[in-house]
Protein backbone atom coordinates (compact mmCIF):
# COMPACT_ATOMS: atom_id res chain seq x y z
CA MET A 1 80.45 141.29 140.87
CA ALA A 2 81.20 138.01 139.08
CA LYS A 3 83.92 138.10 136.49
CA LYS A 4 82.81 137.86 132.88
CA ASP A 5 83.56 134.63 130.99
CA MET A 6 86.08 134.82 128.20
CA SER A 7 84.34 134.34 124.84
CA GLU A 8 85.18 131.61 122.34
CA LYS A 9 86.60 134.24 119.98
CA GLU A 10 88.83 135.61 122.73
CA VAL A 11 90.13 132.12 123.49
CA LYS A 12 90.87 131.54 119.81
CA ASN A 13 92.76 134.83 119.51
CA LEU A 14 95.00 134.34 122.53
CA LYS A 15 98.68 134.65 121.59
CA PRO A 16 101.66 133.21 123.46
CA SER A 17 104.58 134.86 125.16
CA GLU A 18 108.03 134.11 123.84
CA ASP A 19 109.41 132.22 126.83
CA SER A 20 106.65 131.61 129.39
CA VAL A 21 103.34 129.79 129.81
CA ASP A 22 100.44 132.22 130.16
CA LYS A 23 97.47 131.16 132.28
CA HIS A 24 94.12 132.77 131.46
CA ARG A 25 90.89 132.52 133.42
CA VAL A 26 88.10 131.60 131.00
CA SER A 27 85.34 131.02 133.53
CA GLU A 28 84.87 129.91 137.09
CA LYS A 29 87.30 127.02 137.71
CA LEU A 30 88.15 126.87 133.99
CA TYR A 31 91.54 128.06 132.75
CA ILE A 32 93.45 127.89 129.50
CA TYR A 33 97.24 127.73 129.35
CA VAL A 34 98.93 129.23 126.30
CA TYR A 35 102.40 127.84 125.57
CA PRO A 36 105.26 129.49 123.64
CA ASN A 37 104.84 126.87 120.88
CA TRP A 38 101.24 128.17 120.37
CA LYS A 39 99.60 125.14 121.97
CA LYS A 40 96.64 125.80 124.24
CA LYS A 41 95.39 123.48 126.97
CA TRP A 42 92.31 123.54 129.19
CA TYR A 43 92.69 123.13 132.97
CA TYR A 44 90.28 122.72 135.87
CA ARG A 45 91.14 124.78 138.99
CA GLN A 46 90.61 122.72 142.17
CA ARG A 47 89.76 124.09 145.62
CA ASN A 48 93.39 123.82 146.66
CA ASN A 49 94.26 126.01 143.64
CA SER A 50 96.09 123.21 141.83
CA ASP A 51 95.08 122.60 138.22
CA ILE A 52 94.07 119.36 136.49
CA LEU A 53 94.49 119.01 132.74
CA ILE A 54 91.23 118.68 130.79
CA GLY A 55 92.64 118.50 127.27
CA GLU A 56 94.14 120.39 124.37
CA TYR A 57 92.30 123.15 122.51
CA PRO A 58 90.73 122.97 119.92
CA ILE A 59 90.57 119.15 120.11
CA VAL A 60 88.56 119.80 123.27
CA SER A 61 86.28 122.55 122.01
CA TYR A 62 85.17 125.64 123.91
CA ALA A 63 81.74 124.13 124.59
CA GLU A 64 83.19 120.73 125.58
CA ALA A 65 85.55 122.38 128.05
CA PHE A 66 82.61 124.01 129.85
CA THR A 67 80.72 120.69 129.95
CA ILE A 68 83.74 118.87 131.41
CA ARG A 69 84.27 121.72 133.89
CA ASP A 70 80.68 121.33 135.10
CA GLU A 71 81.08 117.55 135.50
CA MET A 72 84.31 117.95 137.46
CA ARG A 73 82.83 120.68 139.67
CA ASN A 74 79.86 118.44 140.51
CA SER A 75 82.22 115.57 141.35
CA GLU A 76 84.31 117.85 143.55
CA ASN A 77 81.21 119.12 145.39
CA MET A 78 80.17 115.53 146.12
CA GLY A 79 83.63 114.56 147.30
CA MET A 80 84.16 112.20 144.37
CA PRO A 81 87.40 111.73 142.39
CA LEU A 82 87.58 114.39 139.68
CA ARG A 83 88.71 112.08 136.91
CA ARG A 84 86.76 108.91 136.21
CA GLU A 85 88.57 105.96 134.71
CA VAL A 86 88.88 106.46 130.96
CA THR A 87 88.85 103.22 128.98
CA VAL A 88 89.99 102.36 125.48
CA ASP A 89 86.29 102.08 124.62
CA ASP A 90 85.78 105.68 125.74
CA MET A 91 88.66 106.93 123.60
CA PHE A 92 87.54 104.98 120.52
CA ASN A 93 84.10 106.56 120.83
CA LYS A 94 85.72 110.00 121.15
CA TYR A 95 87.97 109.33 118.14
CA PHE A 96 84.94 108.17 116.15
CA ASP A 97 82.89 111.24 117.09
CA LEU A 98 85.68 113.62 116.12
CA LYS A 99 86.55 112.02 112.78
CA SER A 100 83.44 110.27 111.43
CA ASN A 101 82.00 113.35 109.72
CA SER A 102 84.84 113.17 107.21
CA TRP A 103 84.34 109.43 106.50
CA SER A 104 82.04 107.72 104.02
CA GLY A 105 79.28 105.46 105.31
CA TYR A 106 81.31 102.40 104.36
CA THR A 107 84.41 103.66 106.21
CA LYS A 108 82.38 104.32 109.37
CA LYS A 109 80.93 100.82 109.27
CA ARG A 110 84.33 99.22 108.60
CA LYS A 111 86.07 101.10 111.44
CA VAL A 112 83.44 99.94 113.93
CA GLN A 113 83.59 96.35 112.64
CA ILE A 114 87.36 96.18 112.98
CA TYR A 115 87.33 97.77 116.44
CA GLU A 116 84.61 95.50 117.82
CA LYS A 117 86.07 92.31 116.33
CA ASP A 118 89.80 92.77 116.83
CA ILE A 119 90.50 95.51 119.40
CA LYS A 120 87.62 95.73 121.85
CA PRO A 121 87.75 92.10 123.14
CA ILE A 122 91.32 92.60 124.41
CA LEU A 123 91.67 96.31 125.11
CA GLY A 124 88.14 97.75 125.29
CA ASN A 125 87.62 97.71 129.07
CA MET A 126 91.20 98.57 130.01
CA GLU A 127 92.03 101.98 131.49
CA ILE A 128 93.80 103.95 128.81
CA GLN A 129 96.64 104.84 131.21
CA LYS A 130 97.34 101.17 131.99
CA VAL A 131 97.63 99.87 128.41
CA THR A 132 101.17 98.84 127.50
CA ILE A 133 102.78 97.78 124.24
CA HIS A 134 102.52 94.19 125.47
CA ASN A 135 98.72 94.47 125.67
CA ILE A 136 98.62 95.93 122.18
CA LEU A 137 100.84 93.16 120.81
CA LYS A 138 98.23 90.62 121.95
CA VAL A 139 95.79 92.27 119.53
CA ILE A 140 98.41 92.22 116.77
CA LYS A 141 99.14 88.53 117.29
CA VAL A 142 95.49 87.50 117.05
CA VAL A 143 95.11 89.25 113.68
CA GLU A 144 98.48 88.04 112.38
CA ASP A 145 97.66 84.44 113.35
CA ARG A 146 94.67 84.40 111.01
CA ASP A 147 96.85 85.93 108.28
CA ALA A 148 94.58 88.98 107.89
CA LEU A 149 97.46 91.31 107.11
CA HIS A 150 95.47 93.93 105.21
CA THR A 151 93.07 94.15 108.15
CA LEU A 152 96.07 94.33 110.48
CA GLU A 153 97.18 97.58 108.84
CA LYS A 154 93.76 99.08 109.56
CA VAL A 155 93.88 97.78 113.15
CA VAL A 156 97.18 99.59 113.68
CA VAL A 157 95.79 102.85 112.28
CA ILE A 158 92.81 102.71 114.65
CA ILE A 159 94.92 101.86 117.70
CA LYS A 160 97.41 104.64 116.96
CA ASN A 161 94.62 107.18 116.55
CA ILE A 162 92.93 106.10 119.79
CA PHE A 163 96.14 106.71 121.74
CA ASN A 164 96.94 109.91 119.83
CA LYS A 165 93.59 111.26 121.02
CA ALA A 166 94.36 110.10 124.57
CA CYS A 167 97.61 112.09 124.41
CA SER A 168 95.78 115.16 123.10
CA PHE A 169 93.24 114.99 125.93
CA GLY A 170 96.01 114.67 128.49
CA TYR A 171 95.18 111.16 129.69
CA ILE A 172 98.61 109.82 128.71
CA LYS A 173 101.92 111.44 127.82
CA ILE A 174 103.32 108.89 125.35
CA ASN A 175 101.54 106.86 122.65
CA PRO A 176 102.51 103.20 123.25
CA ALA A 177 101.47 102.34 119.68
CA SER A 178 103.64 104.95 117.96
CA GLU A 179 106.08 102.44 116.41
CA LEU A 180 103.68 99.63 115.55
CA GLU A 181 104.17 99.89 111.78
CA ASN A 182 107.82 98.91 112.23
CA ILE A 183 107.09 95.60 113.94
CA ILE A 184 104.04 94.15 112.15
CA LYS A 185 104.00 91.79 109.20
CA LYS A 186 103.30 93.54 105.91
CA PRO A 187 100.93 92.15 103.27
CA VAL A 188 102.27 91.44 99.80
CA ARG A 189 101.10 94.26 97.55
CA LYS A 190 99.45 93.20 94.30
CA ASN A 191 98.00 95.37 91.59
CA TYR A 192 94.33 94.85 90.83
CA ALA A 193 93.90 92.26 88.09
CA ALA A 194 92.97 94.04 84.87
CA LEU A 195 92.49 93.36 81.17
CA THR A 196 94.71 95.51 78.97
CA GLU A 197 94.80 93.71 75.62
CA PRO A 198 92.12 94.65 73.01
CA GLU A 199 91.16 91.00 72.55
CA ASP A 200 90.53 90.54 76.27
CA ILE A 201 88.59 93.80 76.62
CA SER A 202 86.50 92.82 73.61
CA THR A 203 85.64 89.54 75.36
CA LEU A 204 84.72 91.50 78.50
CA VAL A 205 82.42 93.92 76.66
CA LYS A 206 80.67 91.06 74.87
CA GLY A 207 80.41 89.07 78.11
CA ILE A 208 78.72 91.96 79.94
CA ASP A 209 76.40 92.48 76.97
CA TYR A 210 75.35 88.82 76.99
CA TYR A 211 75.06 88.63 80.80
CA ARG A 212 71.72 87.15 81.77
CA GLY A 213 71.86 87.89 85.48
CA ASN A 214 70.29 90.81 87.35
CA PHE A 215 69.43 93.59 84.88
CA ILE A 216 70.42 96.44 87.20
CA VAL A 217 73.76 94.78 87.94
CA LYS A 218 74.36 94.40 84.20
CA MET A 219 73.63 98.08 83.60
CA ALA A 220 75.81 99.12 86.53
CA LEU A 221 78.71 97.05 85.15
CA LYS A 222 78.37 98.76 81.79
CA PHE A 223 78.28 102.18 83.46
CA LEU A 224 81.32 101.28 85.57
CA LEU A 225 83.27 100.45 82.41
CA LEU A 226 82.06 103.52 80.50
CA THR A 227 82.92 106.01 83.25
CA ALA A 228 86.09 104.37 84.68
CA GLN A 229 85.04 105.38 88.20
CA ARG A 230 85.50 103.43 91.41
CA SER A 231 83.06 100.68 92.35
CA PHE A 232 81.64 102.51 95.37
CA THR A 233 81.20 105.73 93.40
CA VAL A 234 79.08 103.95 90.80
CA ARG A 235 77.12 101.95 93.37
CA ALA A 236 76.40 105.19 95.27
CA ALA A 237 75.36 107.15 92.14
CA LYS A 238 72.17 109.15 92.84
CA TRP A 239 69.64 110.55 90.39
CA LYS A 240 69.87 114.00 91.99
CA ASP A 241 73.51 114.18 90.87
CA ILE A 242 72.80 113.21 87.25
CA ASP A 243 72.18 115.97 84.68
CA LEU A 244 70.93 114.04 81.64
CA GLU A 245 70.11 117.15 79.63
CA ASN A 246 73.73 118.37 79.77
CA ALA A 247 75.29 114.89 80.02
CA ILE A 248 77.07 115.57 83.32
CA TRP A 249 77.48 113.51 86.47
CA ASN A 250 78.16 115.82 89.42
CA ILE A 251 79.74 113.40 91.86
CA PRO A 252 79.70 114.75 95.44
CA ALA A 253 82.80 114.68 97.62
CA GLU A 254 81.38 112.05 99.98
CA ASP A 255 81.23 109.54 97.11
CA MET A 256 84.84 110.14 96.06
CA LYS A 257 87.91 108.49 97.59
CA MET A 258 89.84 111.78 97.56
CA LYS A 259 86.89 113.63 99.13
CA THR A 260 86.78 116.25 96.38
CA PRO A 261 83.75 116.58 94.07
CA LEU A 262 84.14 115.55 90.44
CA ARG A 263 82.26 117.01 87.47
CA LEU A 264 82.32 114.13 85.01
CA PRO A 265 81.08 114.42 81.41
CA LEU A 266 78.97 111.50 80.23
CA SER A 267 79.38 109.86 76.84
CA LYS A 268 76.37 109.45 74.56
CA GLN A 269 76.35 105.74 75.42
CA ALA A 270 76.32 106.46 79.16
CA VAL A 271 73.41 108.89 78.74
CA GLU A 272 71.41 106.32 76.76
CA LEU A 273 72.09 103.71 79.43
CA LEU A 274 70.85 106.07 82.14
CA LYS A 275 67.71 106.89 80.19
CA GLU A 276 66.97 103.20 79.87
CA ILE A 277 67.47 102.35 83.54
CA LYS A 278 65.56 105.46 84.64
CA GLN A 279 62.38 103.66 83.60
CA TYR A 280 63.02 101.19 86.43
CA THR A 281 64.75 103.22 89.17
CA GLY A 282 63.93 106.83 88.33
CA ASN A 283 61.68 107.11 91.38
CA LYS A 284 64.41 105.79 93.70
CA LYS A 285 67.34 107.51 95.38
CA TYR A 286 70.05 105.42 93.75
CA VAL A 287 70.52 105.00 90.01
CA PHE A 288 71.45 101.34 90.44
CA TYR A 289 68.90 100.68 93.15
CA SER A 290 69.06 97.29 94.86
CA PHE A 291 65.62 95.77 95.34
CA ARG A 292 67.20 93.07 97.52
CA SER A 293 69.08 95.21 100.04
CA LYS A 294 67.45 97.14 102.86
CA LYS A 295 70.13 99.78 102.32
CA GLU A 296 68.97 100.17 98.70
CA ILE A 297 72.55 100.13 97.39
CA LEU A 298 74.28 97.30 95.57
CA SER A 299 76.64 95.35 97.83
CA GLU A 300 80.40 95.66 97.74
CA ASN A 301 80.93 92.28 96.04
CA THR A 302 78.18 92.64 93.42
CA PHE A 303 80.41 93.51 90.46
CA ASN A 304 83.08 90.90 91.12
CA THR A 305 80.46 88.20 91.63
CA ALA A 306 78.93 89.11 88.25
CA LEU A 307 82.36 88.98 86.59
CA ARG A 308 82.91 85.47 87.98
CA ARG A 309 79.54 84.42 86.52
CA ILE A 310 80.45 85.93 83.15
CA GLY A 311 83.56 83.73 83.19
CA PHE A 312 86.44 85.89 84.40
CA SER A 313 88.47 84.66 87.37
CA SER A 314 89.79 87.02 90.04
CA ASP A 315 93.27 86.53 88.55
CA GLU A 316 92.06 87.86 85.19
CA THR A 317 90.09 90.94 86.21
CA VAL A 318 88.18 92.60 89.02
CA ALA A 319 85.79 95.55 88.92
CA HIS A 320 88.47 98.00 90.08
CA GLY A 321 90.63 96.74 87.22
CA PHE A 322 88.33 98.49 84.73
CA ARG A 323 90.14 101.70 85.64
CA ALA A 324 93.51 100.19 84.69
CA SER A 325 92.00 98.93 81.42
CA PHE A 326 90.83 102.46 80.63
CA MET A 327 94.16 104.07 81.57
CA THR A 328 96.31 101.57 79.66
CA CYS A 329 94.29 101.57 76.45
CA MET A 330 93.75 105.32 76.24
CA ALA A 331 97.35 106.13 77.13
CA GLU A 332 98.59 103.75 74.43
CA MET A 333 96.34 105.51 71.93
CA GLY A 334 98.09 108.77 72.77
CA PHE A 335 95.61 110.53 74.99
CA PRO A 336 97.31 112.85 77.54
CA VAL A 337 97.94 111.09 80.83
CA ASP A 338 97.09 114.21 82.83
CA VAL A 339 93.55 114.17 81.43
CA LEU A 340 93.22 110.43 82.10
CA ASN A 341 94.31 111.01 85.71
CA LEU A 342 91.68 113.73 86.11
CA ILE A 343 88.97 111.32 84.96
CA LEU A 344 90.26 108.65 87.34
CA ASP A 345 90.45 111.24 90.16
CA HIS A 346 93.99 110.29 91.01
CA LYS A 347 95.50 112.34 93.83
CA LYS A 348 96.10 115.98 93.01
CA ARG A 349 99.30 117.84 93.94
CA SER A 350 97.50 120.79 95.48
CA LYS A 351 94.04 122.23 95.99
CA ILE A 352 94.84 125.05 93.59
CA GLU A 353 95.94 122.64 90.87
CA ALA A 354 92.89 120.46 91.50
CA ALA A 355 90.53 123.44 91.17
CA TYR A 356 92.27 124.55 87.95
CA ASN A 357 92.09 121.09 86.42
CA ARG A 358 88.43 120.64 87.28
CA SER A 359 87.50 123.95 85.68
CA GLU A 360 89.77 123.95 82.62
CA LYS A 361 89.86 120.34 81.44
CA PHE A 362 86.17 119.51 81.18
CA GLU A 363 86.06 119.52 77.36
CA ASP A 364 89.17 117.34 77.19
CA LYS A 365 87.61 114.83 79.60
CA LYS A 366 84.46 114.85 77.50
CA ILE A 367 86.38 113.95 74.34
CA VAL A 368 88.37 111.20 76.05
CA LEU A 369 85.31 109.52 77.59
CA GLN A 370 83.39 109.68 74.31
CA ALA A 371 86.37 108.15 72.50
CA TRP A 372 86.53 105.39 75.14
CA ALA A 373 82.81 104.62 74.76
CA ASP A 374 83.14 104.52 70.96
CA TYR A 375 86.14 102.21 71.29
CA LEU A 376 84.17 99.82 73.51
CA ASP A 377 81.30 99.81 71.02
CA LYS A 378 83.68 98.82 68.23
CA LEU A 379 85.23 96.08 70.35
CA LYS A 380 81.77 94.66 70.92
CA VAL A 381 81.15 93.96 67.22
CA THR A 382 84.59 93.33 65.76
CA ASP A 383 86.38 90.05 65.11
CA LYS A 384 89.73 91.84 65.01
CA PRO A 385 89.99 93.89 68.24
CA SER A 386 93.65 94.79 67.75
CA ALA A 387 92.80 96.56 64.50
CA VAL A 388 90.27 98.91 66.11
CA LYS A 389 91.24 102.58 65.93
CA VAL A 390 89.62 105.64 67.47
CA LYS A 391 88.89 108.72 65.40
CA VAL A 392 88.25 111.97 67.24
CA ALA A 393 86.58 114.99 65.69
CA LYS A 394 88.02 118.42 66.48
CA THR A 395 85.32 120.15 68.51
CA SER A 396 86.98 122.91 70.50
CA VAL A 397 90.11 124.92 71.00
CA GLU A 398 90.58 123.36 74.43
CA SER A 399 90.78 119.89 72.88
CA TYR A 400 93.46 120.75 70.32
CA SER A 401 96.29 119.00 72.14
CA ILE A 402 94.32 115.78 72.27
CA ILE A 403 93.25 115.87 68.64
CA GLU A 404 96.79 116.33 67.38
CA ARG A 405 98.08 113.34 69.33
CA VAL A 406 95.30 110.90 68.48
CA SER A 407 94.18 111.65 64.91
């Protein structure tokens, strides 16, 4: 009678011995080794009873291990080598398959672009086991020579991850790219250009208001400034996530840099803007629908191009700089920095703290964003921007700390 296969749950629950490697039969010709350090690795049992490494569990899943076992058994039956040559291309595809579900659409596209332009031409067809640091440095030199140092950092991340996966699957023992960060040229870090003086922000608000370019781009720029969110988040805004009745924008995790959803209150001005644009794009997926793009979403450079047309150079401000304008102005007015950081979705210390802040600070965020919208309105009509003050009405117990510091 044939032995019964070990179930996926049984594999998951296997525990190690203190000082020995335990070998467990999972199925015909398929074994899993459990190491004292709790690592588990799949092996294929050959006819001569020697074992060939398949890969590490759970990076190689239960189902994948069976598929690879079947392929190796077929090869063995036909007298073929059990392990085909694995190329850098193969490992990039595996890395992409394993990680892409956690990436945004833009990140997926950018990873593929960088790989195909900078890595694949030199390394793509090479066997993963034969790649040396010297081969990798050829890729580095090509990117460095065109002075694309920001791209170079992304190239290094991709290469390291490709070889990390190769190590996990047992194709190589050492990652030849492990120390790359220590030998590449580093780009000069610059903060995003931003307007922080009332006079300059007043000029910006008036410039956007008088903008005679694309109407949807104009409305998107206004919304970007009112909400202080990232460019991609605004460009990806969808009608299904907008609750106009309750003035809430429920931003899904996939549209956030930190990959955590954000419940953002909308100011009265933001709601009125959305009601206006809904007449034009309400039957579309995206709030700021692009009638020019096949992807229906405004392009990455849309906002900065509009700012150049309005009259601001890239040294004066960029779209991402709106967030710094918001943070600087509201902090100087006395609004609590922790609330401003929640609105900006700056990195949280822990999941517990993030959950607490999202649930307990909504009213505070609402007051801050309404105050910001009112401030922008006043800047739009005043001749003395530096004299503009924000008055906040006390509306709830939760907002008490804000009221006391701003009134």
